[in-house]
Amino acid sequence: IATTSPSDDGSDGRFYCVNGGDAGGTTGSCTCTSCNTGFFGTHCEGEAQPIIVSGMCPDKVVYDGTYYPIALTASGRPWYENGNGMSLYFDPSCRGDGGSAN
């Protein structure tokens, strides 16, 4: 069961999970998944802030703009997109599968 109490550690089936997160797993091994857009972390407690990119060369101006968090990557990190459809994200494995770093 998802709760808003930081002391709920999953040992009794109640797990601290906020910002739209769904508590899952088994008693003692709970997880928080499906955070609302812009939130991430073990308990969906982290809020991703917009990132501003500017000063690109004229032929790369499509990369300029404000990047807003729109989803999470397989590694659980924020994925950002600007108004031109360009994306920023962190992928430790460089494979898109959430695996360990190379």
Protein backbone atom coordinates (compact mmCIF):
# COMPACT_ATOMS: atom_id res chain seq x y z
CA ILE A 1 0.00 0.00 0.00
CA ALA A 2 1.40 3.41 -0.95
CA THR A 3 1.53 5.94 1.89
CA THR A 4 2.78 9.48 2.44
CA SER A 5 4.62 8.65 5.68
CA PRO A 6 8.42 8.57 5.24
CA SER A 7 8.70 6.07 8.10
CA ASP A 8 6.80 3.37 6.14
CA ASP A 9 9.61 1.12 4.91
CA GLY A 10 7.57 -1.77 3.48
CA SER A 11 8.17 -4.12 6.41
CA ASP A 12 4.43 -4.19 7.12
CA GLY A 13 3.26 -3.89 3.50
CA ARG A 14 2.96 -0.09 3.72
CA PHE A 15 5.56 1.76 1.63
CA TYR A 16 6.33 5.47 1.37
CA CYS A 17 5.45 6.32 -2.22
CA VAL A 18 4.36 9.83 -3.29
CA ASN A 19 3.73 11.91 -6.42
CA GLY A 20 1.50 9.36 -8.10
CA GLY A 21 3.79 6.39 -7.50
CA ASP A 22 2.38 2.89 -7.20
CA ALA A 23 3.69 0.68 -4.40
CA GLY A 24 4.40 -2.87 -5.47
CA GLY A 25 6.45 -5.92 -4.64
CA THR A 26 6.13 -8.04 -1.53
CA THR A 27 6.24 -7.21 2.17
CA GLY A 28 9.80 -6.21 2.99
CA SER A 29 10.75 -5.78 -0.68
CA CYS A 30 8.50 -2.95 -1.81
CA THR A 31 9.14 -0.65 -4.75
CA CYS A 32 7.60 2.59 -5.96
CA THR A 33 6.97 2.78 -9.71
CA SER A 34 4.98 4.80 -12.25
CA CYS A 35 5.82 8.19 -10.72
CA ASN A 36 3.97 11.19 -12.12
CA THR A 37 5.83 12.89 -14.99
CA GLY A 38 8.74 14.91 -13.64
CA PHE A 39 9.26 12.83 -10.49
CA PHE A 40 11.76 10.04 -9.86
CA GLY A 41 13.59 8.22 -7.09
CA THR A 42 13.04 5.32 -4.71
CA HIS A 43 9.85 6.92 -3.40
CA CYS A 44 9.03 9.22 -6.38
CA GLU A 45 10.27 12.01 -4.12
CA GLY A 46 12.72 13.66 -6.53
CA GLU A 47 11.42 16.40 -8.77
CA ALA A 48 13.20 16.99 -12.06
CA GLN A 49 13.60 20.65 -12.93
CA PRO A 50 13.60 22.04 -16.48
CA ILE A 51 17.02 22.45 -18.13
CA ILE A 52 17.82 25.44 -20.36
CA VAL A 53 20.27 24.97 -23.24
CA SER A 54 21.40 28.01 -25.23
CA GLY A 55 24.28 29.26 -27.35
CA MET A 56 24.43 26.45 -29.89
CA CYS A 57 25.99 27.11 -33.29
CA PRO A 58 23.50 28.30 -35.96
CA ASP A 59 23.32 24.86 -37.60
CA LYS A 60 22.52 23.25 -34.22
CA VAL A 61 19.96 25.81 -32.96
CA VAL A 62 17.33 23.03 -32.81
CA TYR A 63 19.10 21.92 -29.60
CA ASP A 64 18.52 25.31 -27.91
CA GLY A 65 15.51 25.71 -25.67
CA THR A 66 14.01 24.62 -22.40
CA TYR A 67 13.97 20.88 -21.84
CA TYR A 68 11.13 19.61 -19.65
CA PRO A 69 11.02 16.23 -17.89
CA ILE A 70 8.57 13.96 -19.70
CA ALA A 71 9.34 10.42 -18.51
CA LEU A 72 11.93 8.19 -16.86
CA THR A 73 14.59 6.15 -18.62
CA ALA A 74 15.10 2.42 -18.01
CA SER A 75 17.70 3.40 -15.39
CA GLY A 76 15.09 5.47 -13.53
CA ARG A 77 16.54 8.87 -14.46
CA PRO A 78 14.58 11.79 -15.91
CA TRP A 79 14.23 12.05 -19.68
CA TYR A 80 13.82 15.61 -21.01
CA GLU A 81 12.49 16.99 -24.28
CA ASN A 82 12.41 20.50 -25.76
CA GLY A 83 9.81 22.09 -28.03
CA ASN A 84 11.76 20.96 -31.11
CA GLY A 85 11.48 17.29 -30.17
CA MET A 86 15.14 16.99 -29.09
CA SER A 87 15.86 14.85 -26.02
CA LEU A 88 18.31 14.79 -23.12
CA TYR A 89 18.71 11.73 -20.92
CA PHE A 90 21.26 9.76 -18.90
CA ASP A 91 21.94 6.17 -19.86
CA PRO A 92 24.77 4.59 -17.84
CA SER A 93 25.10 1.62 -20.19
CA CYS A 94 24.74 3.57 -23.46
CA ARG A 95 22.44 0.76 -24.63
CA GLY A 96 19.03 2.04 -23.45
CA ASP A 97 18.39 -1.04 -21.32
CA GLY A 98 19.12 0.34 -17.82
CA GLY A 99 22.11 -1.98 -17.42
CA SER A 100 25.31 -1.20 -15.56
CA ALA A 101 27.77 1.41 -16.79
CA ASN A 102 30.33 0.56 -19.45
